[in-house]
Structure formats: structure tokens, C-alpha cells
Amino acid sequence: MAKLVIRLHGKKFMTVDLVEGKQYFAGRDQNCEIPLNNQKGISRSHLKIFQKNEIWIAELVSRYGSLIFEGESAESIQLEKDAVFQVPPYEFSLSRVGNNPRRYRPPK
């Protein structure tokens, strides 16, 4: 299982336990699975978080919003273990929880 911690201006705002196979929208719209406060630069539907081939992905769905990863603007990012990204003024951090580590298995 993965856990998403969201901070606003450095203070914990929300924690979301991400369920495998489910997609999440984050934005000002209160119908979003991750509702964000009405802050400058946050769209009604700003960001989509979903799984593809067991990897969590964050994808910008806003035309005018931003998604920042490692100091660079991005349209979509793969959320590896302990990934941190920003949707200013929010900061998102993903961590994996539980005993299900992904292991590399060499081809036979």
C-alpha cells in the first residue's frame, strides 16, 4: 500500500491511503477524491494520481496549473519510493507501507 501525505505551507493538511487500482483527482472541486483548499494556482481538477503497471503516476490535468518535481515543471511523473513533488502551494510525498517490496528478478 502507498500513503500520500499532503502539506500546505509546511503543515500537514491531509493523509490519503492510496488503494491499488483506484485513481484519485486532486483539486478545488469538492467532488475530487483529494479536495484542496481554494488557493491561487489550484484548478478545480488539477492533478490525477493513478497506477499503471503497479507504479503510481501523478499527472497534471489542469491547463494552467503546475506540477513540480525535482525543481522542474512536469506534465507527468512516476512516483518512486519516497517521492516528493509540489503543486504550489501544496507539497505531496508518497511512501510505501507494508511488507510488499518490489524486488528485481533477473530474466531466466
N, C-alpha and C. Protein backbone atom coordinates (compact mmCIF):
# COMPACT_ATOMS: atom_id res chain seq x y z
N MET A 1 0.85 -1.17 0.00
CA MET A 1 0.00 0.00 0.00
C MET A 1 0.90 1.23 0.00
N ALA A 2 0.38 2.31 -0.57
CA ALA A 2 1.09 3.58 -0.60
C ALA A 2 0.30 4.61 0.19
N LYS A 3 1.05 5.53 0.79
CA LYS A 3 0.43 6.60 1.57
C LYS A 3 0.91 7.92 1.00
N LEU A 4 -0.04 8.83 0.80
CA LEU A 4 0.26 10.15 0.27
C LEU A 4 0.02 11.18 1.38
N VAL A 5 1.07 11.92 1.73
CA VAL A 5 0.95 12.97 2.74
C VAL A 5 1.01 14.30 2.02
N ILE A 6 0.04 15.17 2.31
CA ILE A 6 -0.07 16.46 1.65
C ILE A 6 0.14 17.55 2.70
N ARG A 7 1.03 18.49 2.36
CA ARG A 7 1.30 19.61 3.26
C ARG A 7 0.93 20.91 2.56
N LEU A 8 0.43 21.86 3.34
CA LEU A 8 0.10 23.20 2.84
C LEU A 8 0.89 24.18 3.68
N HIS A 9 1.75 24.94 3.03
CA HIS A 9 2.63 25.90 3.72
C HIS A 9 3.41 25.22 4.83
N GLY A 10 3.87 23.98 4.57
CA GLY A 10 4.71 23.25 5.51
C GLY A 10 3.98 22.50 6.61
N LYS A 11 2.67 22.67 6.73
CA LYS A 11 1.90 21.98 7.77
C LYS A 11 1.09 20.85 7.15
N LYS A 12 1.02 19.72 7.87
CA LYS A 12 0.27 18.57 7.35
C LYS A 12 -1.18 18.97 7.13
N PHE A 13 -1.65 18.74 5.91
CA PHE A 13 -3.00 19.11 5.51
C PHE A 13 -3.90 17.88 5.44
N MET A 14 -3.36 16.77 4.90
CA MET A 14 -4.17 15.58 4.70
C MET A 14 -3.26 14.38 4.44
N THR A 15 -3.74 13.21 4.83
CA THR A 15 -3.07 11.95 4.50
C THR A 15 -4.07 11.06 3.78
N VAL A 16 -3.64 10.46 2.68
CA VAL A 16 -4.51 9.60 1.88
C VAL A 16 -3.85 8.25 1.71
N ASP A 17 -4.56 7.18 2.10
CA ASP A 17 -4.09 5.82 1.83
C ASP A 17 -4.53 5.48 0.41
N LEU A 18 -3.57 5.30 -0.47
CA LEU A 18 -3.88 5.02 -1.87
C LEU A 18 -4.20 3.54 -2.05
N VAL A 19 -5.35 3.26 -2.62
CA VAL A 19 -5.80 1.90 -2.85
C VAL A 19 -5.38 1.49 -4.26
N GLU A 20 -4.72 0.34 -4.35
CA GLU A 20 -4.24 -0.13 -5.64
C GLU A 20 -5.40 -0.25 -6.64
N GLY A 21 -5.16 0.24 -7.85
CA GLY A 21 -6.16 0.15 -8.91
C GLY A 21 -7.15 1.30 -8.94
N LYS A 22 -7.15 2.15 -7.92
CA LYS A 22 -8.07 3.29 -7.88
C LYS A 22 -7.35 4.54 -8.38
N GLN A 23 -8.08 5.44 -9.01
CA GLN A 23 -7.49 6.72 -9.41
C GLN A 23 -8.06 7.83 -8.55
N TYR A 24 -7.28 8.86 -8.38
CA TYR A 24 -7.64 9.97 -7.50
C TYR A 24 -7.44 11.28 -8.25
N PHE A 25 -8.41 12.19 -8.07
CA PHE A 25 -8.26 13.54 -8.60
C PHE A 25 -8.08 14.48 -7.42
N ALA A 26 -7.19 15.45 -7.60
CA ALA A 26 -6.95 16.47 -6.58
C ALA A 26 -7.26 17.83 -7.20
N GLY A 27 -7.98 18.66 -6.46
CA GLY A 27 -8.31 19.99 -6.95
C GLY A 27 -9.30 20.69 -6.02
N ARG A 28 -9.71 21.89 -6.43
CA ARG A 28 -10.65 22.68 -5.62
C ARG A 28 -12.05 22.10 -5.57
N ASP A 29 -12.43 21.35 -6.59
CA ASP A 29 -13.77 20.77 -6.64
C ASP A 29 -13.95 19.82 -5.47
N GLN A 30 -14.97 20.02 -4.69
CA GLN A 30 -15.20 19.18 -3.51
C GLN A 30 -15.59 17.75 -3.86
N ASN A 31 -15.85 17.48 -5.14
CA ASN A 31 -16.11 16.11 -5.59
C ASN A 31 -14.82 15.34 -5.87
N CYS A 32 -13.68 16.03 -5.84
CA CYS A 32 -12.40 15.36 -6.02
C CYS A 32 -12.13 14.44 -4.84
N GLU A 33 -11.46 13.33 -5.10
CA GLU A 33 -11.09 12.40 -4.03
C GLU A 33 -10.11 13.05 -3.06
N ILE A 34 -9.34 14.01 -3.56
CA ILE A 34 -8.41 14.77 -2.72
C ILE A 34 -8.77 16.25 -2.87
N PRO A 35 -9.73 16.73 -2.06
CA PRO A 35 -10.14 18.13 -2.17
C PRO A 35 -9.10 19.07 -1.57
N LEU A 36 -8.69 20.06 -2.35
CA LEU A 36 -7.71 21.05 -1.91
C LEU A 36 -8.40 22.37 -1.65
N ASN A 37 -7.85 23.15 -0.73
CA ASN A 37 -8.42 24.46 -0.43
C ASN A 37 -8.29 25.37 -1.64
N ASN A 38 -9.14 26.38 -1.67
CA ASN A 38 -9.13 27.36 -2.75
C ASN A 38 -7.90 28.24 -2.60
N GLN A 39 -6.82 27.84 -3.24
CA GLN A 39 -5.56 28.57 -3.22
C GLN A 39 -5.24 29.05 -4.63
N LYS A 40 -4.51 30.14 -4.73
CA LYS A 40 -4.11 30.67 -6.03
C LYS A 40 -3.32 29.61 -6.78
N GLY A 41 -3.69 29.36 -8.04
CA GLY A 41 -2.98 28.42 -8.88
C GLY A 41 -3.51 26.99 -8.85
N ILE A 42 -4.54 26.74 -8.03
CA ILE A 42 -5.11 25.39 -7.93
C ILE A 42 -6.42 25.35 -8.73
N SER A 43 -6.48 24.46 -9.69
CA SER A 43 -7.67 24.31 -10.54
C SER A 43 -8.72 23.44 -9.86
N ARG A 44 -9.93 23.47 -10.41
CA ARG A 44 -11.00 22.61 -9.87
C ARG A 44 -10.58 21.14 -9.95
N SER A 45 -10.03 20.75 -11.08
CA SER A 45 -9.48 19.41 -11.24
C SER A 45 -8.04 19.61 -11.72
N HIS A 46 -7.10 19.47 -10.82
CA HIS A 46 -5.73 19.89 -11.07
C HIS A 46 -4.79 18.73 -11.40
N LEU A 47 -4.97 17.63 -10.69
CA LEU A 47 -3.99 16.56 -10.72
C LEU A 47 -4.70 15.21 -10.66
N LYS A 48 -4.18 14.24 -11.42
CA LYS A 48 -4.70 12.88 -11.34
C LYS A 48 -3.57 11.97 -10.85
N ILE A 49 -3.89 11.11 -9.89
CA ILE A 49 -2.94 10.14 -9.37
C ILE A 49 -3.54 8.76 -9.63
N PHE A 50 -2.78 7.92 -10.31
CA PHE A 50 -3.29 6.60 -10.69
C PHE A 50 -2.13 5.62 -10.80
N GLN A 51 -2.48 4.35 -10.93
CA GLN A 51 -1.48 3.30 -11.08
C GLN A 51 -1.45 2.79 -12.51
N LYS A 52 -0.24 2.55 -13.00
CA LYS A 52 -0.05 1.93 -14.30
C LYS A 52 1.07 0.91 -14.14
N ASN A 53 0.75 -0.35 -14.39
CA ASN A 53 1.73 -1.43 -14.21
C ASN A 53 2.35 -1.40 -12.81
N GLU A 54 1.52 -1.24 -11.81
CA GLU A 54 1.90 -1.24 -10.40
C GLU A 54 2.73 -0.03 -9.96
N ILE A 55 2.87 0.96 -10.82
CA ILE A 55 3.62 2.17 -10.48
C ILE A 55 2.65 3.33 -10.37
N TRP A 56 2.74 4.09 -9.29
CA TRP A 56 1.88 5.26 -9.12
C TRP A 56 2.40 6.38 -9.99
N ILE A 57 1.48 7.09 -10.63
CA ILE A 57 1.77 8.19 -11.55
C ILE A 57 0.99 9.42 -11.07
N ALA A 58 1.64 10.57 -11.11
CA ALA A 58 0.95 11.84 -10.90
C ALA A 58 0.96 12.57 -12.24
N GLU A 59 -0.23 12.99 -12.68
CA GLU A 59 -0.37 13.61 -14.00
C GLU A 59 -1.13 14.91 -13.88
N LEU A 60 -0.58 15.96 -14.43
CA LEU A 60 -1.23 17.27 -14.43
C LEU A 60 -2.40 17.23 -15.40
N VAL A 61 -3.59 17.59 -14.94
CA VAL A 61 -4.75 17.64 -15.82
C VAL A 61 -5.24 19.08 -16.02
N SER A 62 -4.68 20.00 -15.28
CA SER A 62 -5.02 21.42 -15.40
C SER A 62 -4.28 22.04 -16.59
N ARG A 63 -4.97 22.89 -17.35
CA ARG A 63 -4.31 23.57 -18.47
C ARG A 63 -3.32 24.62 -18.00
N TYR A 64 -3.62 25.26 -16.88
CA TYR A 64 -2.82 26.40 -16.46
C TYR A 64 -2.07 26.17 -15.15
N GLY A 65 -2.26 25.02 -14.54
CA GLY A 65 -1.62 24.75 -13.26
C GLY A 65 -0.21 24.24 -13.42
N SER A 66 0.39 23.91 -12.29
CA SER A 66 1.76 23.40 -12.35
C SER A 66 1.93 22.16 -11.49
N LEU A 67 2.91 21.37 -11.89
CA LEU A 67 3.35 20.17 -11.18
C LEU A 67 4.87 20.25 -11.20
N ILE A 68 5.49 20.28 -10.03
CA ILE A 68 6.93 20.47 -9.92
C ILE A 68 7.55 19.22 -9.31
N PHE A 69 8.56 18.68 -9.98
CA PHE A 69 9.28 17.51 -9.47
C PHE A 69 10.78 17.77 -9.63
N GLU A 70 11.50 17.67 -8.53
CA GLU A 70 12.94 17.92 -8.50
C GLU A 70 13.28 19.28 -9.11
N GLY A 71 12.45 20.28 -8.79
CA GLY A 71 12.69 21.66 -9.22
C GLY A 71 12.31 21.97 -10.65
N GLU A 72 11.77 21.00 -11.38
CA GLU A 72 11.41 21.19 -12.77
C GLU A 72 9.91 21.01 -12.98
N SER A 73 9.34 21.77 -13.92
CA SER A 73 7.94 21.58 -14.29
C SER A 73 7.79 20.26 -15.02
N ALA A 74 6.68 19.57 -14.77
CA ALA A 74 6.44 18.28 -15.40
C ALA A 74 4.96 18.15 -15.73
N GLU A 75 4.67 17.35 -16.73
CA GLU A 75 3.29 17.02 -17.08
C GLU A 75 2.85 15.75 -16.36
N SER A 76 3.80 14.84 -16.17
CA SER A 76 3.52 13.55 -15.57
C SER A 76 4.80 13.02 -14.92
N ILE A 77 4.67 12.39 -13.76
CA ILE A 77 5.85 11.83 -13.09
C ILE A 77 5.52 10.45 -12.52
N GLN A 78 6.52 9.58 -12.49
CA GLN A 78 6.39 8.30 -11.82
C GLN A 78 6.77 8.51 -10.37
N LEU A 79 5.95 8.01 -9.48
CA LEU A 79 6.18 8.21 -8.07
C LEU A 79 6.92 7.00 -7.50
N GLU A 80 8.22 7.11 -7.47
CA GLU A 80 9.04 6.06 -6.90
C GLU A 80 8.98 6.16 -5.38
N LYS A 81 9.61 5.22 -4.68
CA LYS A 81 9.60 5.20 -3.23
C LYS A 81 10.04 6.55 -2.66
N ASP A 82 9.27 7.07 -1.72
CA ASP A 82 9.56 8.33 -1.03
C ASP A 82 9.65 9.53 -1.98
N ALA A 83 8.86 9.52 -3.04
CA ALA A 83 8.84 10.63 -3.99
C ALA A 83 8.20 11.85 -3.34
N VAL A 84 8.73 13.03 -3.68
CA VAL A 84 8.18 14.31 -3.21
C VAL A 84 7.99 15.20 -4.43
N PHE A 85 6.80 15.81 -4.53
CA PHE A 85 6.54 16.74 -5.63
C PHE A 85 5.64 17.86 -5.12
N GLN A 86 5.57 18.95 -5.88
CA GLN A 86 4.80 20.11 -5.46
C GLN A 86 3.75 20.48 -6.50
N VAL A 87 2.63 20.90 -5.96
CA VAL A 87 1.60 21.60 -6.71
C VAL A 87 1.39 22.87 -5.87
N PRO A 88 2.24 23.88 -6.14
CA PRO A 88 2.28 25.04 -5.24
C PRO A 88 0.90 25.62 -4.97
N PRO A 89 0.60 25.89 -3.69
CA PRO A 89 1.47 25.89 -2.51
C PRO A 89 1.49 24.56 -1.75
N TYR A 90 1.04 23.48 -2.36
CA TYR A 90 1.00 22.18 -1.69
C TYR A 90 2.26 21.38 -2.00
N GLU A 91 2.63 20.52 -1.03
CA GLU A 91 3.70 19.56 -1.23
C GLU A 91 3.14 18.17 -0.97
N PHE A 92 3.41 17.25 -1.87
CA PHE A 92 2.93 15.87 -1.78
C PHE A 92 4.13 14.95 -1.56
N SER A 93 4.00 13.99 -0.67
CA SER A 93 5.06 12.99 -0.52
C SER A 93 4.42 11.61 -0.46
N LEU A 94 4.99 10.70 -1.23
CA LEU A 94 4.48 9.33 -1.31
C LEU A 94 5.44 8.41 -0.58
N SER A 95 4.89 7.53 0.22
CA SER A 95 5.70 6.50 0.85
C SER A 95 4.98 5.17 0.74
N ARG A 96 5.75 4.13 0.65
CA ARG A 96 5.20 2.78 0.58
C ARG A 96 5.09 2.23 1.99
N VAL A 97 3.99 1.53 2.26
CA VAL A 97 3.73 0.98 3.58
C VAL A 97 3.48 -0.51 3.44
N GLY A 98 3.97 -1.29 4.39
CA GLY A 98 3.66 -2.72 4.38
C GLY A 98 4.82 -3.58 3.96
N ASN A 99 4.55 -4.84 3.82
CA ASN A 99 5.57 -5.83 3.51
C ASN A 99 5.49 -6.30 2.07
N ASN A 100 5.31 -5.38 1.16
CA ASN A 100 5.20 -5.77 -0.24
C ASN A 100 6.25 -5.04 -1.08
N PRO A 101 7.54 -5.24 -0.76
CA PRO A 101 8.56 -4.53 -1.54
C PRO A 101 8.66 -5.11 -2.94
N ARG A 102 8.90 -4.25 -3.90
CA ARG A 102 9.09 -4.72 -5.26
C ARG A 102 10.54 -5.15 -5.39
N ARG A 103 10.76 -6.34 -5.87
CA ARG A 103 12.10 -6.88 -5.98
C ARG A 103 12.44 -7.09 -7.44
N TYR A 104 13.70 -6.83 -7.76
CA TYR A 104 14.17 -7.08 -9.11
C TYR A 104 14.42 -8.58 -9.27
N ARG A 105 13.88 -9.14 -10.33
CA ARG A 105 14.13 -10.55 -10.64
C ARG A 105 14.74 -10.62 -12.03
N PRO A 106 15.97 -11.08 -12.10
CA PRO A 106 16.63 -11.15 -13.42
C PRO A 106 15.92 -12.14 -14.32
N PRO A 107 15.96 -11.91 -15.64
CA PRO A 107 15.33 -12.84 -16.57
C PRO A 107 16.04 -14.20 -16.53
N LYS A 108 15.28 -15.25 -16.79
CA LYS A 108 15.86 -16.61 -16.78
C LYS A 108 16.39 -16.98 -18.14
